[in-house]
C-alpha atoms as a PDB file:
ATOM      1  CA  MET A   1      21.797  -6.806   6.461  1.00  0.00           C
ATOM      2  CA  THR A   2      21.121  -3.024   8.132  1.00  0.00           C
ATOM      3  CA  ALA A   3      18.801  -0.141   7.705  1.00  0.00           C
ATOM      4  CA  THR A   4      22.421   1.947   6.521  1.00  0.00           C
ATOM      5  CA  ASP A   5      23.415   0.071   3.924  1.00  0.00           C
ATOM      6  CA  GLY A   6      20.122  -0.246   1.820  1.00  0.00           C
ATOM      7  CA  ALA A   7      19.827  -3.680   1.649  1.00  0.00           C
ATOM      8  CA  GLY A   8      17.042  -3.538   4.105  1.00  0.00           C
ATOM      9  CA  ILE A   9      14.896  -0.810   1.853  1.00  0.00           C
ATOM     10  CA  ARG A  10      15.607  -3.343  -1.252  1.00  0.00           C
ATOM     11  CA  THR A  11      14.529  -5.980   1.051  1.00  0.00           C
ATOM     12  CA  PHE A  12      11.102  -4.649   2.754  1.00  0.00           C
ATOM     13  CA  GLN A  13      10.396  -3.310  -1.241  1.00  0.00           C
ATOM     14  CA  LEU A  14      10.477  -7.406  -2.575  1.00  0.00           C
ATOM     15  CA  ARG A  15       8.381  -8.022   0.655  1.00  0.00           C
ATOM     16  CA  LEU A  16       5.262  -6.047  -0.290  1.00  0.00           C
ATOM     17  CA  LEU A  17       5.728  -6.918  -4.184  1.00  0.00           C
ATOM     18  CA  SER A  18       4.955 -10.514  -3.338  1.00  0.00           C
ATOM     19  CA  MET A  19       1.607  -9.558  -2.102  1.00  0.00           C
ATOM     20  CA  PHE A  20       0.949  -7.197  -5.200  1.00  0.00           C
ATOM     21  CA  ARG A  21      -1.599  -9.359  -7.667  1.00  0.00           C
ATOM     22  CA  GLY A  22      -3.219  -8.756 -11.118  1.00  0.00           C
ATOM     23  CA  ASN A  23      -0.146  -6.492 -12.380  1.00  0.00           C
ATOM     24  CA  ASP A  24       2.994  -8.625 -13.362  1.00  0.00           C
ATOM     25  CA  SER A  25       3.888  -5.863 -15.666  1.00  0.00           C
ATOM     26  CA  LEU A  26       4.742  -3.758 -12.854  1.00  0.00           C
ATOM     27  CA  VAL A  27       5.768  -5.984 -10.500  1.00  0.00           C
ATOM     28  CA  GLU A  28       8.532  -7.081 -13.006  1.00  0.00           C
ATOM     29  CA  LYS A  29       9.569  -3.399 -13.563  1.00  0.00           C
ATOM     30  CA  ALA A  30       9.895  -3.150 -10.886  1.00  0.00           C
ATOM     31  CA  LEU A  31      12.253  -6.403 -10.174  1.00  0.00           C
ATOM     32  CA  THR A  32      14.422  -4.787 -12.678  1.00  0.00           C
ATOM     33  CA  ALA A  33      14.961  -1.698 -10.780  1.00  0.00           C
ATOM     34  CA  LEU A  34      16.224  -3.667  -7.608  1.00  0.00           C
ATOM     35  CA  ASP A  35      18.229  -6.026  -9.604  1.00  0.00           C
ATOM     36  CA  ALA A  36      15.948  -9.037  -8.667  1.00  0.00           C
ATOM     37  CA  ASP A  37      14.071 -11.937  -9.557  1.00  0.00           C
ATOM     38  CA  HIS A  38      10.718 -13.773  -8.910  1.00  0.00           C
ATOM     39  CA  SER A  39      12.602 -16.279  -7.235  1.00  0.00           C
ATOM     40  CA  GLU A  40      14.485 -14.289  -4.644  1.00  0.00           C
ATOM     41  CA  MET A  41      11.467 -12.369  -4.233  1.00  0.00           C
ATOM     42  CA  ASP A  42      10.091 -15.641  -3.221  1.00  0.00           C
ATOM     43  CA  SER A  43      12.395 -16.153  -0.787  1.00  0.00           C
ATOM     44  CA  ILE A  44      11.985 -12.854   0.652  1.00  0.00           C
ATOM     45  CA  ALA A  45       8.521 -13.097   1.172  1.00  0.00           C
ATOM     46  CA  VAL A  46       9.312 -16.700   3.260  1.00  0.00           C
ATOM     47  CA  GLU A  47      11.592 -15.210   5.203  1.00  0.00           C
ATOM     48  CA  TYR A  48       9.280 -12.285   5.976  1.00  0.00           C
ATOM     49  CA  GLU A  49       6.149 -13.684   6.066  1.00  0.00           C
ATOM     50  CA  GLN A  50       5.256 -12.905   9.390  1.00  0.00           C
ATOM     51  CA  ILE A  51       6.531  -8.900   9.244  1.00  0.00           C
ATOM     52  CA  LEU A  52       3.453  -7.195   9.379  1.00  0.00           C
ATOM     53  CA  ARG A  53       2.309  -8.646  12.340  1.00  0.00           C
ATOM     54  CA  PRO A  54       2.744  -6.211  15.320  1.00  0.00           C
ATOM     55  CA  SER A  55       4.396  -8.653  17.165  1.00  0.00           C
ATOM     56  CA  VAL A  56       7.297  -8.738  15.109  1.00  0.00           C
ATOM     57  CA  TRP A  57       6.785  -5.122  13.131  1.00  0.00           C
ATOM     58  CA  PHE A  58       8.068  -2.541  15.530  1.00  0.00           C
ATOM     59  CA  GLU A  59      11.304  -4.836  15.993  1.00  0.00           C
ATOM     60  CA  GLN A  60      12.160  -6.468  12.478  1.00  0.00           C
ATOM     61  CA  VAL A  61      10.723  -2.934  10.122  1.00  0.00           C
ATOM     62  CA  PRO A  62      13.054  -0.521  12.006  1.00  0.00           C
ATOM     63  CA  ALA A  63      15.703  -3.166  11.422  1.00  0.00           C
ATOM     64  CA  LEU A  64      15.418  -3.696   8.094  1.00  0.00           C
ATOM     65  CA  LEU A  65      14.314   0.876   7.301  1.00  0.00           C
ATOM     66  CA  GLY A  66      15.522   2.507  10.415  1.00  0.00           C
ATOM     67  CA  PRO A  67      13.712   4.933  12.404  1.00  0.00           C
ATOM     68  CA  PRO A  68      10.581   5.749  10.922  1.00  0.00           C
ATOM     69  CA  ASP A  69      10.202   9.462   9.713  1.00  0.00           C
ATOM     70  CA  SER A  70       7.148   9.923  11.849  1.00  0.00           C
ATOM     71  CA  LEU A  71       5.991   8.294  15.144  1.00  0.00           C
ATOM     72  CA  HIS A  72       3.123   9.018  16.831  1.00  0.00           C
ATOM     73  CA  THR A  73       0.278   7.143  18.829  1.00  0.00           C
ATOM     74  CA  GLU A  74      -3.302   7.538  18.439  1.00  0.00           C
ATOM     75  CA  GLN A  75      -6.371   6.111  20.303  1.00  0.00           C
ATOM     76  CA  SER A  76      -8.367   3.285  18.330  1.00  0.00           C
ATOM     77  CA  LYS A  77     -12.322   4.085  17.639  1.00  0.00           C
ATOM     78  CA  GLY A  78     -14.763   1.382  19.374  1.00  0.00           C
ATOM     79  CA  SER A  79     -16.231   0.780  22.770  1.00  0.00           C
ATOM     80  CA  GLN A  80     -12.997  -0.380  24.137  1.00  0.00           C
ATOM     81  CA  PRO A  81      -9.744   1.899  22.845  1.00  0.00           C
ATOM     82  CA  VAL A  82      -6.369   0.963  22.484  1.00  0.00           C
ATOM     83  CA  THR A  83      -3.874   3.022  21.870  1.00  0.00           C
ATOM     84  CA  LEU A  84      -1.912   2.034  18.790  1.00  0.00           C
ATOM     85  CA  THR A  85       1.202   3.446  17.167  1.00  0.00           C
ATOM     86  CA  ARG A  86       1.523   5.207  13.916  1.00  0.00           C
ATOM     87  CA  CYS A  87       4.659   4.584  11.739  1.00  0.00           C
ATOM     88  CA  THR A  88       5.491   6.030   8.755  1.00  0.00           C
ATOM     89  CA  TYR A  89       8.437   5.485   6.625  1.00  0.00           C
ATOM     90  CA  SER A  90       8.811   7.534   3.171  1.00  0.00           C
ATOM     91  CA  ARG A  91      12.034   6.125   1.730  1.00  0.00           C
ATOM     92  CA  LEU A  92      11.208   3.638  -0.724  1.00  0.00           C
ATOM     93  CA  PRO A  93      12.741   4.132  -4.028  1.00  0.00           C
ATOM     94  CA  LEU A  94       9.783   2.323  -6.016  1.00  0.00           C
ATOM     95  CA  TRP A  95       7.345   4.909  -4.936  1.00  0.00           C
ATOM     96  CA  PRO A  96       8.791   8.017  -4.508  1.00  0.00           C
ATOM     97  CA  ASP A  97       5.246  10.028  -3.817  1.00  0.00           C
ATOM     98  CA  LEU A  98       4.630   7.746  -1.609  1.00  0.00           C
ATOM     99  CA  GLU A  99       4.591   6.711   2.263  1.00  0.00           C
ATOM    100  CA  PHE A 100       4.180   3.555   3.639  1.00  0.00           C
ATOM    101  CA  PHE A 101       2.576   3.117   7.330  1.00  0.00           C
ATOM    102  CA  TYR A 102       1.795   0.630   9.830  1.00  0.00           C
ATOM    103  CA  LEU A 103      -1.380   1.495  12.514  1.00  0.00           C
ATOM    104  CA  ALA A 104      -1.019  -0.940  15.085  1.00  0.00           C
ATOM    105  CA  SER A 105      -0.262  -2.128  18.873  1.00  0.00           C
ATOM    106  CA  PRO A 106       2.258  -4.140  19.796  1.00  0.00           C
ATOM    107  CA  ASP A 107       0.043  -5.822  22.146  1.00  0.00           C
ATOM    108  CA  LEU A 108      -2.717  -6.980  19.634  1.00  0.00           C
ATOM    109  CA  PRO A 109      -2.136 -10.023  17.045  1.00  0.00           C
ATOM    110  CA  ILE A 110      -3.290  -8.211  14.269  1.00  0.00           C
ATOM    111  CA  ALA A 111      -2.698  -4.800  12.116  1.00  0.00           C
ATOM    112  CA  HIS A 112      -4.969  -2.095  12.655  1.00  0.00           C
ATOM    113  CA  ASN A 113      -4.095  -0.354   9.385  1.00  0.00           C
ATOM    114  CA  ALA A 114      -1.508  -0.458   6.873  1.00  0.00           C
ATOM    115  CA  GLY A 115      -1.114   1.289   3.350  1.00  0.00           C
ATOM    116  CA  PHE A 116       0.069   3.570   1.317  1.00  0.00           C
ATOM    117  CA  ALA A 117      -0.575   7.267   1.444  1.00  0.00           C
ATOM    118  CA  ARG A 118       0.846  10.514  -0.469  1.00  0.00           C
ATOM    119  CA  VAL A 119       4.014  11.820   1.067  1.00  0.00           C
ATOM    120  CA  ALA A 120       2.829  15.683   2.346  1.00  0.00           C
ATOM    121  CA  HIS A 121       5.080  17.674  -0.987  1.00  0.00           C
ATOM    122  CA  ALA A 122       3.881  14.962  -3.119  1.00  0.00           C
ATOM    123  CA  PRO A 123       0.802  16.520  -5.750  1.00  0.00           C
ATOM    124  CA  ARG A 124      -2.014  14.330  -5.626  1.00  0.00           C
ATOM    125  CA  ALA A 125      -3.442  12.252  -8.623  1.00  0.00           C
ATOM    126  CA  ALA A 126      -4.999  14.025 -10.767  1.00  0.00           C
ATOM    127  CA  LEU A 127      -7.859  11.924 -11.875  1.00  0.00           C
ATOM    128  CA  SER A 128     -10.314  13.112 -14.474  1.00  0.00           C
ATOM    129  CA  GLY A 129     -11.584  10.079 -16.024  1.00  0.00           C
ATOM    130  CA  LEU A 130     -10.955   6.831 -16.510  1.00  0.00           C
ATOM    131  CA  ALA A 131      -7.615   7.120 -18.872  1.00  0.00           C
ATOM    132  CA  ASP A 132      -6.246   8.723 -15.745  1.00  0.00           C
ATOM    133  CA  LEU A 133      -7.012   4.999 -13.448  1.00  0.00           C
ATOM    134  CA  VAL A 134      -3.667   3.614 -14.015  1.00  0.00           C
ATOM    135  CA  PRO A 135      -2.013   1.057 -11.784  1.00  0.00           C
ATOM    136  CA  TRP A 136       0.246   2.213  -8.822  1.00  0.00           C
ATOM    137  CA  SER A 137      -0.468   5.864  -9.851  1.00  0.00           C
ATOM    138  CA  CYS A 138      -2.977   6.478  -7.646  1.00  0.00           C
ATOM    139  CA  LEU A 139      -4.616   5.052  -4.396  1.00  0.00           C
ATOM    140  CA  ARG A 140      -8.416   4.619  -2.922  1.00  0.00           C
ATOM    141  CA  ASP A 141      -8.630   7.638  -1.426  1.00  0.00           C
ATOM    142  CA  GLU A 142      -7.909   9.920  -4.051  1.00  0.00           C
ATOM    143  CA  VAL A 143     -10.245   7.898  -6.168  1.00  0.00           C
ATOM    144  CA  VAL A 144     -13.292   8.008  -3.671  1.00  0.00           C
ATOM    145  CA  GLU A 145     -11.690  11.728  -3.579  1.00  0.00           C
ATOM    146  CA  ARG A 146     -12.885  12.440  -7.020  1.00  0.00           C
ATOM    147  CA  PHE A 147     -15.135   9.768  -8.438  1.00  0.00           C
ATOM    148  CA  GLY A 148     -17.486   9.660  -4.989  1.00  0.00           C
ATOM    149  CA  PRO A 149     -17.565   6.333  -2.694  1.00  0.00           C
ATOM    150  CA  ALA A 150     -17.977   2.942  -4.363  1.00  0.00           C
ATOM    151  CA  VAL A 151     -21.424   1.890  -5.423  1.00  0.00           C
ATOM    152  CA  GLU A 152     -20.242  -1.908  -4.547  1.00  0.00           C
ATOM    153  CA  GLU A 153     -17.851  -3.606  -2.270  1.00  0.00           C
ATOM    154  CA  GLY A 154     -16.093  -6.552  -3.327  1.00  0.00           C
ATOM    155  CA  ALA A 155     -13.598  -8.973  -1.678  1.00  0.00           C
ATOM    156  CA  LEU A 156     -12.104  -7.203   1.494  1.00  0.00           C
ATOM    157  CA  TRP A 157      -9.008  -9.179   2.655  1.00  0.00           C
ATOM    158  CA  PRO A 158      -6.701  -6.597   3.681  1.00  0.00           C
ATOM    159  CA  PRO A 159      -4.427  -5.827   2.119  1.00  0.00           C
ATOM    160  CA  TYR A 160      -6.515  -6.825  -0.848  1.00  0.00           C
ATOM    161  CA  GLU A 161      -9.757  -4.756  -1.244  1.00  0.00           C
ATOM    162  CA  SER A 162     -12.135  -4.738  -3.998  1.00  0.00           C
ATOM    163  CA  TYR A 163     -14.652  -2.293  -5.304  1.00  0.00           C
ATOM    164  CA  ARG A 164     -17.233  -0.840  -8.096  1.00  0.00           C
ATOM    165  CA  PHE A 165     -16.781   2.472  -9.011  1.00  0.00           C
ATOM    166  CA  ARG A 166     -19.422   5.241 -10.999  1.00  0.00           C
ATOM    167  CA  ILE A 167     -16.918   6.979 -13.042  1.00  0.00           C
ATOM    168  CA  VAL A 168     -18.118  10.142 -15.020  1.00  0.00           C
ATOM    169  CA  GLU A 169     -15.829  11.111 -17.737  1.00  0.00           C
ATOM    170  CA  ALA A 170     -15.551  15.351 -18.635  1.00  0.00           C
ATOM    171  CA  ASP A 171     -18.390  14.499 -21.529  1.00  0.00           C
ATOM    172  CA  GLY A 172     -21.085  13.577 -19.231  1.00  0.00           C
ATOM    173  CA  ALA A 173     -20.584   9.679 -20.326  1.00  0.00           C
ATOM    174  CA  VAL A 174     -20.705   6.846 -17.401  1.00  0.00           C
ATOM    175  CA  GLU A 175     -18.661   3.938 -16.370  1.00  0.00           C
ATOM    176  CA  HIS A 176     -18.457   1.103 -14.030  1.00  0.00           C
ATOM    177  CA  ARG A 177     -15.542  -0.139 -13.212  1.00  0.00           C
ATOM    178  CA  TRP A 178     -13.919  -2.704 -10.833  1.00  0.00           C
ATOM    179  CA  MET A 179     -10.976  -1.553  -9.181  1.00  0.00           C
ATOM    180  CA  VAL A 180      -8.529  -3.962  -7.110  1.00  0.00           C
ATOM    181  CA  PHE A 181      -6.276  -1.950  -4.325  1.00  0.00           C
ATOM    182  CA  SER A 182      -2.640  -3.436  -2.690  1.00  0.00           C
ATOM    183  CA  PHE A 183      -2.408  -1.445   0.917  1.00  0.00           C
ATOM    184  CA  GLY A 184      -4.597   1.351  -0.957  1.00  0.00           C
ATOM    185  CA  LEU A 185      -2.412   1.509  -4.232  1.00  0.00           C
ATOM    186  CA  LEU A 186      -4.668   0.926  -7.288  1.00  0.00           C
ATOM    187  CA  GLN A 187      -3.453  -2.469  -8.797  1.00  0.00           C
ATOM    188  CA  ILE A 188      -6.212  -3.446 -11.169  1.00  0.00           C
ATOM    189  CA  VAL A 189      -8.804  -1.747 -13.415  1.00  0.00           C
ATOM    190  CA  ASP A 190     -11.357  -3.978 -14.444  1.00  0.00           C
ATOM    191  CA  ASN A 191     -14.132  -3.913 -17.036  1.00  0.00           C
ATOM    192  CA  ASP A 192     -17.563  -3.824 -15.213  1.00  0.00           C
END
């Protein structure tokens, strides 16, 4: 399997899908689009279990996806800054308007950050109210940008995060909803 034959991109997408929770219908549609099933996704999840660890990321992911679309270094914040490398890939057909980024140092045992971001040429999610909060259509940053910071934090277990947001509808009605994100991508919207 090489980055040039498309199989690596498919494999990486299946590995990401194996980490999504709570939205079985979207995962099923994605598996169909990839001509895959749960058995294959589970097998890839086992084979590439460690792929998001810095010790293998910088070798295994380029082997699957090819060279990153962008690669740059930046300093971490904190009392002892570390040089981090940010790799960005925008060749994931399941999410054409998104790119997947990874921020880490090969010298550290865990990643600093990983997730989805909107590609530069794609419009931001148009969020005017609750009806627009559709799983896989928007990112956590876009929800915060439109509705303000979360009013409460729930579980934070990367790549999973849950937050309670205050949603003000166009008619002034106020709703509260818990939202679950994986890699920053909206997965679930629950009633308060």
